[in-house]
Amino acid sequence: MSEYKSIAESNNYIVLDKYSKIAEQGVGYQTEANLERELIQDLHNQGYDYLPSLTTPEQMLANARVQLQDLNKVQFSDAEWLRFCEQYLDKPSDNHIDKTRKIHTDYIYDFVFDDGHIRNIYLVFKDKKKIANNKLQVISQFEQKGTHSNRYDITILVNGLPLVQVELKKRGVAIREAFNQVHRYSKESFNSENSLFKYLQIFVISNGTDTRYFANTTKRGKNSFDFTMNWATSKNKLIKDLKDFTASFFQKNTLLSVLLKYSVFDTSNNLLIMRPYQIAATERILWKIESSYLARNWRTTESGGYIWHTTGSGKTLTSFKAARLATELEFIDKVFFVVDRKDLDFQTMKEYQRFSPDSVNGSDSTAGLKRNIEKEDNKIIVTTIQKLNNLIKSEPELSIYNKQVVFIFDEAHRSQFGEAQKSIKKRFKKFYQFGFTGTPIFPENALGSETTASVFGRQLHSYVITDAIRDEKVLKFKVDYNDVRPKFKTIEQEQDEKKLSAAENKEALLHPERIKEISHYILN
């Protein structure tokens, strides 16, 4: 008997798929060719154009011309197209770092047509109002020569450019083999001369039952299997099966958002693709700002919230991206990224200075901070909690106090619960504030009456240590078992919850002898 299960959900769609008991029992592994055919069909059903005859570099370049003309509403003559390729699109000296930069920062090119007029030519549209205008196509079995001749499984083109490469292995084969194949292609053919595959941003690997994605990063040290990620729901439930993954990750708007919004090409030329929990947290913050603004509900804990992401899970990248995307909200006048003095590391400073040269004020004086706030051309301010507090105390009449402001606290420490919070709430009239923490303060571990929720608002997203250990994103706990006393050994090794609570009630687990020996062991 077959049954239906929900395999992907969002606010506006639920995908149901039919699972047969035979398939669940793993009878008869699906071949790689069948897996590929099914994926292409699923992508086509989701609105991708399938181009079965596009299999050579010449055909890819011709298709890119058609797509970029359509995107930009222009027509290139043959001579103009050749010049556009040589000057910009496929510059001979470009490596894949240069191509990645063209997707993230240099995606608009001022091209002079033969008649002398200049037009902005876009490779991609990043504006959220136009993101759906980017055209998605799928091709398969593309052949390319480098040091070796390779044939790639499935490639997803955005505006004619190959930005996502999918490599498949049949069910039952280790997914690591697909990873190794991608690594080999990177060395042998992806980056060969005049290869548009230098534009690749994301790799997806799957054996049908396990599916992962990872960035086409520039550092070999980062190009290890440890950096592959499973996609997941906003509640951190992993989406491993290829069909489920396709319905969610390859949904057109989701893929374009991951490629163009939820990735960072940093100052060290590393491409970072955000993990699902980082994206979910960022989206929750943006949703909260927009909904609070529409409800005219600012300046309260209802207009903010906190993100509980465990230590080592990449909170700074998430808060950086949330701050940057908040600046793109038309009604927001300024975004303050607030750190403790010791937390403003050099890398974070460099990222913000590249994004907005006047955003980071390194001096100890509040005068520099005041100047940055008063500038109209930078919407983001990076400052320490100490300097912000000093400015608020010394300047009671700043115009910023009446404007729409977002505060993002990189680490919601206890140090932000006191004087600075009182100052912000006293002066700022229309603000939304969010805290990131790996160790939230709850009523049971609070030193006073204040908790993380009472200061910032309710929890908007969590990714806790158990999630991170499961995903192998942090080091596992090392557990050593030590017998304290033979007479307590059977109780300590008991698994049954009822027997354990009974032993506790009888004070066996809390016996003074046992507690004393545990204390001595820890002290030693």
Protein backbone atom coordinates (compact mmCIF):
# COMPACT_ATOMS: atom_id res chain seq x y z
CA MET A 1 0.00 0.00 0.00
CA SER A 2 1.30 3.50 -0.87
CA GLU A 3 0.92 6.61 1.23
CA TYR A 4 1.47 10.34 0.74
CA LYS A 5 3.95 12.34 2.79
CA SER A 6 4.72 16.05 2.87
CA ILE A 7 8.24 16.55 1.56
CA ALA A 8 8.63 20.33 1.42
CA GLU A 9 6.69 23.18 2.90
CA SER A 10 6.84 26.95 2.75
CA ASN A 11 4.36 29.74 3.33
CA ASN A 12 2.88 29.32 -0.13
CA TYR A 13 3.26 25.72 -1.18
CA ILE A 14 3.35 22.16 0.07
CA VAL A 15 4.76 19.40 -2.10
CA LEU A 16 3.38 15.91 -1.64
CA ASP A 17 5.10 12.87 -3.04
CA LYS A 18 4.07 9.26 -3.25
CA TYR A 19 6.33 6.82 -1.43
CA SER A 20 5.94 3.14 -2.10
CA LYS A 21 6.89 0.59 0.54
CA ILE A 22 9.15 -1.12 -2.00
CA ALA A 23 11.10 2.12 -2.51
CA GLU A 24 11.36 2.65 1.24
CA GLN A 25 12.82 -0.82 1.66
CA GLY A 26 15.44 -0.01 -0.96
CA VAL A 27 14.51 -2.79 -3.38
CA GLY A 28 16.17 -2.11 -6.73
CA TYR A 29 18.55 0.85 -6.72
CA GLN A 30 17.75 3.65 -9.15
CA THR A 31 20.46 4.00 -11.83
CA GLU A 32 22.37 7.25 -12.25
CA ALA A 33 20.74 7.80 -15.68
CA ASN A 34 17.25 7.38 -14.19
CA LEU A 35 18.14 9.73 -11.32
CA GLU A 36 19.32 12.31 -13.86
CA ARG A 37 16.18 11.96 -16.01
CA GLU A 38 13.94 12.35 -12.96
CA LEU A 39 15.80 15.45 -11.74
CA ILE A 40 15.58 17.10 -15.19
CA GLN A 41 11.84 16.36 -15.32
CA ASP A 42 11.32 17.78 -11.82
CA LEU A 43 13.26 20.96 -12.71
CA HIS A 44 11.27 21.31 -15.93
CA ASN A 45 8.04 20.93 -13.93
CA GLN A 46 9.25 23.76 -11.66
CA GLY A 47 9.62 26.16 -14.60
CA TYR A 48 13.19 25.57 -15.80
CA ASP A 49 13.72 25.45 -19.59
CA TYR A 50 15.46 22.21 -20.61
CA LEU A 51 17.90 22.47 -23.52
CA PRO A 52 18.79 18.85 -24.43
CA SER A 53 20.89 19.80 -27.47
CA LEU A 54 23.17 22.33 -25.71
CA THR A 55 26.32 20.27 -25.14
CA THR A 56 29.31 22.31 -26.44
CA PRO A 57 31.10 25.57 -25.41
CA GLU A 58 30.14 27.24 -28.73
CA GLN A 59 26.45 26.51 -28.15
CA MET A 60 26.71 27.77 -24.56
CA LEU A 61 28.21 31.11 -25.66
CA ALA A 62 25.53 31.54 -28.35
CA ASN A 63 22.81 30.83 -25.76
CA ALA A 64 24.39 33.30 -23.29
CA ARG A 65 24.18 35.99 -25.99
CA VAL A 66 20.45 35.36 -26.50
CA GLN A 67 19.75 35.36 -22.72
CA LEU A 68 21.77 38.51 -21.94
CA GLN A 69 20.17 40.36 -24.88
CA ASP A 70 16.76 39.36 -23.57
CA LEU A 71 17.60 40.31 -19.95
CA ASN A 72 18.97 43.74 -20.91
CA LYS A 73 16.55 44.42 -23.81
CA VAL A 74 19.45 45.08 -26.24
CA GLN A 75 20.77 43.60 -29.49
CA PHE A 76 24.49 43.02 -30.02
CA SER A 77 25.90 42.95 -33.54
CA ASP A 78 28.40 40.11 -34.08
CA ALA A 79 31.29 42.57 -33.69
CA GLU A 80 29.80 44.08 -30.52
CA TRP A 81 29.21 40.66 -28.96
CA LEU A 82 32.81 39.63 -29.68
CA ARG A 83 34.07 42.83 -28.10
CA PHE A 84 31.76 42.42 -25.06
CA CYS A 85 33.16 38.88 -24.52
CA GLU A 86 36.79 39.95 -24.92
CA GLN A 87 36.47 43.04 -22.71
CA TYR A 88 34.24 41.64 -19.99
CA LEU A 89 32.21 38.43 -20.19
CA ASP A 90 35.02 36.05 -21.16
CA LYS A 91 38.14 38.15 -20.69
CA PRO A 92 41.16 35.93 -21.52
CA SER A 93 43.05 36.90 -18.33
CA ASP A 94 40.10 36.06 -16.02
CA ASN A 95 40.31 33.21 -13.53
CA HIS A 96 37.37 31.87 -11.54
CA ILE A 97 37.98 34.45 -8.77
CA ASP A 98 37.49 37.26 -11.32
CA LYS A 99 34.34 35.55 -12.63
CA THR A 100 32.92 35.17 -9.10
CA ARG A 101 33.57 38.87 -8.49
CA LYS A 102 31.52 39.59 -11.63
CA ILE A 103 28.53 37.75 -10.17
CA HIS A 104 28.74 39.43 -6.74
CA THR A 105 30.15 42.95 -7.11
CA ASP A 106 30.96 43.75 -10.76
CA TYR A 107 27.77 42.40 -12.35
CA ILE A 108 27.02 45.66 -14.22
CA TYR A 109 29.26 46.62 -17.15
CA ASP A 110 29.19 49.96 -19.00
CA PHE A 111 29.39 48.82 -22.61
CA VAL A 112 29.99 51.25 -25.49
CA PHE A 113 28.07 50.15 -28.59
CA ASP A 114 29.46 50.74 -32.09
CA ASP A 115 27.30 53.84 -32.57
CA GLY A 116 28.85 55.40 -29.42
CA HIS A 117 25.94 55.06 -26.99
CA ILE A 118 26.62 53.50 -23.57
CA ARG A 119 24.38 51.00 -21.79
CA ASN A 120 24.58 49.26 -18.44
CA ILE A 121 24.70 45.54 -19.25
CA TYR A 122 23.62 43.37 -16.30
CA LEU A 123 24.78 39.76 -15.87
CA VAL A 124 22.17 39.19 -13.15
CA PHE A 125 19.35 41.17 -11.54
CA LYS A 126 19.80 41.25 -7.75
CA ASP A 127 17.06 43.73 -6.89
CA LYS A 128 14.32 41.79 -5.07
CA LYS A 129 11.69 43.37 -7.34
CA LYS A 130 13.51 42.05 -10.43
CA ILE A 131 15.06 38.81 -9.16
CA ALA A 132 12.35 36.75 -10.90
CA ASN A 133 13.47 38.22 -14.27
CA ASN A 134 16.62 36.07 -14.18
CA LYS A 135 16.13 33.16 -16.61
CA LEU A 136 16.81 29.60 -15.39
CA GLN A 137 17.72 26.83 -17.82
CA VAL A 138 18.96 23.27 -17.35
CA ILE A 139 21.36 21.30 -19.57
CA SER A 140 22.86 17.83 -19.25
CA GLN A 141 25.90 15.87 -20.44
CA PHE A 142 27.86 18.99 -21.42
CA GLU A 143 31.29 18.10 -22.85
CA GLN A 144 34.40 20.16 -22.19
CA LYS A 145 38.12 19.62 -22.66
CA GLY A 146 40.92 20.84 -20.46
CA THR A 147 43.85 18.67 -19.46
CA HIS A 148 41.27 15.87 -19.86
CA SER A 149 37.91 15.62 -21.61
CA ASN A 150 34.98 15.60 -19.17
CA ARG A 151 31.22 15.24 -19.45
CA TYR A 152 29.17 16.89 -16.70
CA ASP A 153 25.86 15.52 -15.37
CA ILE A 154 23.47 18.48 -14.96
CA THR A 155 24.20 22.21 -15.17
CA ILE A 156 21.84 25.03 -14.21
CA LEU A 157 22.28 28.22 -16.24
CA VAL A 158 21.25 31.65 -14.97
CA ASN A 159 20.88 34.09 -17.87
CA GLY A 160 22.90 31.62 -19.97
CA LEU A 161 25.82 31.37 -17.50
CA PRO A 162 26.57 28.09 -15.69
CA LEU A 163 26.22 28.97 -11.99
CA VAL A 164 25.21 25.60 -10.48
CA GLN A 165 26.69 22.19 -11.25
CA VAL A 166 24.94 18.97 -10.12
CA GLU A 167 26.87 15.68 -10.01
CA LEU A 168 24.96 12.47 -9.34
CA LYS A 169 25.81 8.92 -8.29
CA LYS A 170 23.33 6.09 -8.29
CA ARG A 171 21.63 5.13 -5.04
CA GLY A 172 23.86 2.97 -2.90
CA VAL A 173 27.11 4.64 -4.02
CA ALA A 174 28.91 6.82 -1.46
CA ILE A 175 28.12 10.51 -1.99
CA ARG A 176 31.80 11.30 -1.40
CA GLU A 177 32.47 9.86 -4.87
CA ALA A 178 30.38 12.65 -6.41
CA PHE A 179 32.38 15.17 -4.36
CA ASN A 180 35.67 13.69 -5.58
CA GLN A 181 34.41 13.89 -9.16
CA VAL A 182 33.63 17.62 -8.81
CA HIS A 183 37.10 18.15 -7.34
CA ARG A 184 38.65 16.34 -10.32
CA TYR A 185 36.63 18.39 -12.84
CA SER A 186 37.81 21.59 -11.11
CA LYS A 187 41.40 20.59 -11.78
CA GLU A 188 40.87 19.12 -15.26
CA SER A 189 38.31 21.17 -17.20
CA PHE A 190 36.01 23.63 -15.35
CA ASN A 191 38.70 26.32 -15.34
CA SER A 192 40.19 25.71 -18.80
CA GLU A 193 40.78 28.64 -21.18
CA ASN A 194 37.60 30.38 -22.43
CA SER A 195 35.47 28.25 -20.11
CA LEU A 196 32.25 29.86 -18.91
CA PHE A 197 32.30 27.23 -16.13
CA LYS A 198 34.64 29.61 -14.30
CA TYR A 199 31.35 31.30 -13.35
CA LEU A 200 30.24 28.29 -11.25
CA GLN A 201 29.08 29.35 -7.78
CA ILE A 202 27.48 26.27 -6.22
CA PHE A 203 28.01 22.53 -6.51
CA VAL A 204 25.24 20.07 -5.63
CA ILE A 205 26.09 16.39 -5.12
CA SER A 206 23.63 13.55 -4.57
CA ASN A 207 23.26 9.79 -4.56
CA GLY A 208 19.48 10.11 -4.37
CA THR A 209 19.24 9.46 -0.65
CA ASP A 210 21.78 12.07 0.50
CA THR A 211 22.06 15.47 -1.18
CA ARG A 212 24.47 18.27 -0.28
CA TYR A 213 25.57 21.65 -1.59
CA PHE A 214 28.78 23.64 -1.24
CA ALA A 215 30.46 26.76 -2.59
CA ASN A 216 32.95 26.81 -5.45
CA THR A 217 35.44 28.33 -3.05
CA THR A 218 38.86 29.58 -4.02
CA LYS A 219 40.81 28.08 -1.13
CA ARG A 220 41.85 24.45 -1.43
CA GLY A 221 41.81 24.14 2.36
CA LYS A 222 38.10 24.99 2.31
CA ASN A 223 37.44 22.58 -0.55
CA SER A 224 36.99 19.50 1.60
CA PHE A 225 33.98 17.26 2.11
CA ASP A 226 33.60 18.73 5.62
CA PHE A 227 32.32 21.95 4.02
CA THR A 228 29.40 20.28 2.24
CA MET A 229 25.96 21.01 3.70
CA ASN A 230 22.54 19.42 3.75
CA TRP A 231 19.60 21.71 3.06
CA ALA A 232 17.04 21.93 5.90
CA THR A 233 13.69 23.35 6.93
CA SER A 234 13.52 26.45 9.14
CA LYS A 235 13.17 24.06 12.10
CA ASN A 236 16.51 22.38 11.20
CA LYS A 237 14.97 19.18 9.83
CA LEU A 238 17.41 17.91 7.20
CA ILE A 239 16.21 17.54 3.60
CA LYS A 240 18.40 14.79 2.19
CA ASP A 241 16.41 12.97 -0.49
CA LEU A 242 17.05 14.42 -3.95
CA LYS A 243 13.34 14.76 -4.79
CA ASP A 244 12.64 16.64 -1.54
CA PHE A 245 15.76 18.79 -2.03
CA THR A 246 14.70 19.67 -5.60
CA ALA A 247 11.21 20.73 -4.49
CA SER A 248 12.72 23.08 -1.89
CA PHE A 249 16.28 24.22 -2.74
CA PHE A 250 15.76 24.28 -6.54
CA GLN A 251 12.47 26.15 -6.26
CA LYS A 252 13.36 29.08 -8.59
CA ASN A 253 13.07 31.93 -6.10
CA THR A 254 14.95 29.96 -3.43
CA LEU A 255 17.88 29.11 -5.71
CA LEU A 256 18.16 32.68 -7.02
CA SER A 257 18.07 33.99 -3.42
CA VAL A 258 20.81 31.58 -2.30
CA LEU A 259 22.96 32.55 -5.31
CA LEU A 260 22.42 36.31 -5.27
CA LYS A 261 21.34 37.24 -1.72
CA TYR A 262 22.54 34.61 0.73
CA SER A 263 26.16 34.35 -0.32
CA VAL A 264 29.18 36.50 0.49
CA PHE A 265 32.30 37.00 -1.61
CA ASP A 266 34.63 38.23 1.11
CA THR A 267 37.74 40.41 1.14
CA SER A 268 39.95 37.29 1.13
CA ASN A 269 38.33 36.17 -2.17
CA ASN A 270 36.46 33.35 -0.45
CA LEU A 271 32.95 32.56 -1.64
CA LEU A 272 30.72 31.75 1.33
CA ILE A 273 27.29 30.23 0.72
CA MET A 274 25.11 30.55 3.79
CA ARG A 275 23.82 27.48 5.63
CA PRO A 276 20.07 26.89 5.90
CA TYR A 277 19.83 27.99 9.55
CA GLN A 278 21.74 31.20 8.75
CA ILE A 279 19.32 31.98 5.91
CA ALA A 280 16.28 31.16 8.08
CA ALA A 281 17.49 33.48 10.87
CA THR A 282 18.20 36.32 8.44
CA GLU A 283 14.77 35.97 6.86
CA ARG A 284 13.06 35.98 10.27
CA ILE A 285 14.81 39.26 11.19
CA LEU A 286 13.83 40.94 7.90
CA TRP A 287 10.26 39.67 8.28
CA LYS A 288 10.08 41.03 11.84
CA ILE A 289 11.37 44.49 10.78
CA GLU A 290 8.91 44.75 7.88
CA SER A 291 5.88 43.46 9.80
CA SER A 292 6.63 45.72 12.80
CA TYR A 293 7.01 48.73 10.49
CA LEU A 294 3.68 48.04 8.78
CA ALA A 295 1.99 47.65 12.17
CA ARG A 296 3.72 50.86 13.36
CA ASN A 297 4.89 48.77 16.27
CA TRP A 298 8.42 49.92 17.00
CA ARG A 299 10.49 50.58 20.13
CA THR A 300 9.11 47.55 22.01
CA THR A 301 10.25 43.97 22.55
CA GLU A 302 7.44 42.99 20.15
CA SER A 303 9.31 44.73 17.31
CA GLY A 304 12.55 42.77 17.82
CA GLY A 305 13.82 39.39 18.92
CA TYR A 306 16.87 37.22 19.40
CA ILE A 307 18.64 34.48 17.46
CA TRP A 308 20.00 31.54 19.47
CA HIS A 309 22.77 30.04 17.36
CA THR A 310 25.38 27.92 19.09
CA THR A 311 29.01 29.01 19.40
CA GLY A 312 31.01 28.18 16.26
CA SER A 313 28.01 28.10 13.92
CA GLY A 314 28.82 31.34 12.09
CA LYS A 315 26.77 33.97 13.95
CA THR A 316 28.90 36.88 12.72
CA LEU A 317 28.28 36.01 9.05
CA THR A 318 24.54 35.75 9.75
CA SER A 319 24.41 39.07 11.62
CA PHE A 320 26.55 40.74 8.91
CA LYS A 321 24.18 39.56 6.16
CA ALA A 322 21.09 40.54 8.21
CA ALA A 323 22.54 44.03 8.74
CA ARG A 324 23.39 44.45 5.05
CA LEU A 325 19.98 43.29 3.84
CA ALA A 326 18.24 45.52 6.40
CA THR A 327 19.93 48.54 4.76
CA GLU A 328 18.09 47.63 1.53
CA LEU A 329 14.68 48.18 3.18
CA GLU A 330 13.52 51.53 1.78
CA PHE A 331 12.01 52.80 5.03
CA ILE A 332 15.13 52.12 7.16
CA ASP A 333 17.39 55.15 7.67
CA LYS A 334 20.29 53.54 9.56
CA VAL A 335 21.42 50.10 10.71
CA PHE A 336 23.71 49.90 13.75
CA PHE A 337 25.85 46.77 14.00
CA VAL A 338 26.83 46.76 17.67
CA VAL A 339 29.72 44.75 19.10
CA ASP A 340 31.59 44.51 22.37
CA ARG A 341 35.00 46.17 22.16
CA LYS A 342 36.82 42.84 22.20
CA ASP A 343 34.58 41.27 19.52
CA LEU A 344 35.26 43.65 16.61
CA ASP A 345 37.80 41.47 14.80
CA PHE A 346 39.88 42.62 11.85
CA GLN A 347 38.06 40.45 9.29
CA THR A 348 34.62 41.82 10.26
CA MET A 349 35.96 45.38 10.06
CA LYS A 350 37.36 44.72 6.56
CA GLU A 351 34.03 43.30 5.33
CA TYR A 352 32.08 46.31 6.55
CA GLN A 353 34.59 48.82 5.23
CA ARG A 354 34.38 47.25 1.78
CA PHE A 355 30.60 47.34 1.88
CA SER A 356 30.49 50.90 3.22
CA PRO A 357 33.85 52.73 3.61
CA ASP A 358 32.53 55.09 6.30
CA SER A 359 30.72 52.44 8.33
CA VAL A 360 33.51 51.56 10.78
CA ASN A 361 34.90 54.22 13.06
CA GLY A 362 38.05 52.91 14.70
CA SER A 363 38.85 55.84 17.00
CA ASP A 364 37.83 56.01 20.63
CA SER A 365 36.20 59.42 20.29
CA THR A 366 32.44 59.73 19.87
CA ALA A 367 32.97 62.65 17.43
CA GLY A 368 33.88 60.24 14.62
CA LEU A 369 30.79 58.17 15.35
CA LYS A 370 28.61 61.28 15.29
CA ARG A 371 30.08 62.33 11.90
CA ASN A 372 29.38 58.87 10.43
CA ILE A 373 25.79 58.91 11.70
CA GLU A 374 25.14 62.31 10.12
CA LYS A 375 26.40 61.26 6.66
CA GLU A 376 23.54 60.60 4.26
CA ASP A 377 25.39 58.21 1.93
CA ASN A 378 26.09 55.36 4.35
CA LYS A 379 23.20 53.47 5.91
CA ILE A 380 25.27 51.19 8.14
CA ILE A 381 27.22 52.05 11.28
CA VAL A 382 29.56 49.59 13.04
CA THR A 383 30.26 50.61 16.62
CA THR A 384 30.94 49.27 20.08
CA ILE A 385 28.30 49.26 22.80
CA GLN A 386 30.58 51.48 24.93
CA LYS A 387 30.97 54.19 22.27
CA LEU A 388 27.27 54.17 21.39
CA ASN A 389 26.35 54.62 25.05
CA ASN A 390 28.82 57.52 25.44
CA LEU A 391 27.41 59.26 22.36
CA ILE A 392 23.79 58.94 23.53
CA LYS A 393 24.70 60.38 26.94
CA SER A 394 26.68 63.31 25.50
CA GLU A 395 24.34 64.19 22.58
CA PRO A 396 20.68 64.55 23.64
CA GLU A 397 19.44 66.21 20.41
CA LEU A 398 20.61 64.13 17.39
CA SER A 399 18.24 63.89 14.39
CA ILE A 400 18.84 60.11 14.20
CA TYR A 401 16.76 59.67 17.36
CA ASN A 402 13.59 60.31 15.34
CA LYS A 403 14.47 58.14 12.35
CA GLN A 404 13.81 54.47 11.52
CA VAL A 405 16.74 52.54 12.99
CA VAL A 406 17.72 48.86 13.29
CA PHE A 407 20.10 47.67 16.03
CA ILE A 408 21.83 44.30 15.53
CA PHE A 409 23.88 43.09 18.49
CA ASP A 410 26.51 40.61 17.31
CA GLU A 411 26.75 39.02 20.77
CA ALA A 412 23.85 39.62 23.16
CA HIS A 413 25.93 39.60 26.36
CA ARG A 414 24.73 40.52 29.82
CA SER A 415 26.79 43.71 29.33
CA GLN A 416 24.09 44.97 26.93
CA PHE A 417 21.28 44.55 29.47
CA GLY A 418 22.14 47.58 31.55
CA GLU A 419 22.85 51.25 31.01
CA ALA A 420 23.16 51.12 27.20
CA GLN A 421 19.68 49.58 26.86
CA LYS A 422 18.16 52.26 29.04
CA SER A 423 19.89 54.95 26.94
CA ILE A 424 18.67 53.50 23.63
CA LYS A 425 15.08 53.21 24.86
CA LYS A 426 15.17 56.73 26.29
CA ARG A 427 16.47 58.48 23.13
CA PHE A 428 15.45 56.47 20.03
CA LYS A 429 11.79 56.78 19.04
CA LYS A 430 11.49 54.28 16.13
CA PHE A 431 13.88 51.35 16.48
CA TYR A 432 13.93 47.57 16.04
CA GLN A 433 16.59 45.59 17.86
CA PHE A 434 17.91 42.05 17.51
CA GLY A 435 20.45 40.08 19.49
CA PHE A 436 22.57 37.09 18.46
CA THR A 437 23.68 34.75 21.21
CA GLY A 438 25.09 31.28 21.74
CA THR A 439 24.19 31.40 25.45
CA PRO A 440 20.80 33.04 26.04
CA ILE A 441 19.86 34.19 29.54
CA PHE A 442 16.66 32.46 30.71
CA PRO A 443 14.82 33.08 34.01
CA GLU A 444 16.52 30.03 35.55
CA ASN A 445 20.06 31.31 34.87
CA ALA A 446 19.44 35.06 35.19
CA LEU A 447 21.39 37.02 37.81
CA GLY A 448 18.68 39.67 38.05
CA SER A 449 15.24 40.13 36.55
CA GLU A 450 16.47 40.68 32.95
CA THR A 451 16.60 37.82 30.41
CA THR A 452 17.54 37.78 26.72
CA ALA A 453 13.82 37.72 25.82
CA SER A 454 12.89 40.58 28.17
CA VAL A 455 15.56 42.80 26.57
CA PHE A 456 15.36 41.86 22.88
CA GLY A 457 12.00 40.16 22.40
CA ARG A 458 11.04 36.58 21.66
CA GLN A 459 13.29 33.95 20.12
CA LEU A 460 13.05 34.16 16.32
CA HIS A 461 15.24 31.17 15.40
CA SER A 462 17.42 28.57 17.10
CA TYR A 463 20.28 26.31 16.03
CA VAL A 464 21.59 24.65 19.16
CA ILE A 465 24.60 22.48 19.99
CA THR A 466 22.74 19.21 19.26
CA ASP A 467 21.89 20.47 15.74
CA ALA A 468 25.50 21.53 15.15
CA ILE A 469 26.94 18.20 16.36
CA ARG A 470 24.51 16.29 14.13
CA ASP A 471 25.55 18.42 11.13
CA GLU A 472 29.24 18.03 12.06
CA LYS A 473 29.64 21.83 12.07
CA VAL A 474 31.25 21.88 15.52
CA LEU A 475 33.52 19.43 17.32
CA LYS A 476 31.77 16.51 19.00
CA PHE A 477 31.84 16.07 22.76
CA LYS A 478 34.47 13.66 24.04
CA VAL A 479 32.83 11.48 26.67
CA ASP A 480 34.83 9.46 29.20
CA TYR A 481 32.94 7.27 31.64
CA ASN A 482 34.27 7.00 35.20
CA ASP A 483 32.86 4.66 37.85
CA VAL A 484 32.61 6.60 41.05
CA ARG A 485 31.79 3.77 43.46
CA PRO A 486 30.89 0.15 42.76
CA LYS A 487 27.72 0.50 44.86
CA PHE A 488 26.42 3.28 42.52
CA LYS A 489 27.58 1.67 39.29
CA THR A 490 24.29 -0.08 38.36
CA ILE A 491 22.32 3.12 38.91
CA GLU A 492 24.75 5.20 36.80
CA GLN A 493 24.49 2.77 33.88
CA GLU A 494 20.70 2.51 34.07
CA GLN A 495 18.81 3.60 30.90
CA ASP A 496 15.24 3.38 32.17
CA GLU A 497 13.92 6.89 32.98
CA LYS A 498 11.48 5.68 35.66
CA LYS A 499 14.15 3.69 37.51
CA LEU A 500 16.52 6.66 37.30
CA SER A 501 14.00 9.09 38.77
CA ALA A 502 13.16 6.52 41.48
CA ALA A 503 16.88 6.24 42.33
CA GLU A 504 17.08 10.02 42.50
CA ASN A 505 14.06 10.16 44.81
CA LYS A 506 15.71 7.61 47.06
CA GLU A 507 18.76 9.92 46.96
CA ALA A 508 21.11 7.27 45.54
CA LEU A 509 22.26 9.55 42.68
CA LEU A 510 22.43 12.49 45.09
CA HIS A 511 24.13 10.50 47.89
CA PRO A 512 26.75 12.65 49.67
CA GLU A 513 29.45 9.97 49.13
CA ARG A 514 28.84 9.93 45.39
CA ILE A 515 28.73 13.76 45.08
CA LYS A 516 31.93 14.04 47.15
CA GLU A 517 33.82 11.61 44.89
CA ILE A 518 32.62 13.35 41.71
CA SER A 519 33.75 16.70 43.15
CA HIS A 520 37.20 15.32 44.03
CA TYR A 521 37.53 13.82 40.52
CA ILE A 522 36.71 17.18 38.87
CA LEU A 523 39.08 19.10 41.15
CA ASN A 524 41.91 16.65 40.49
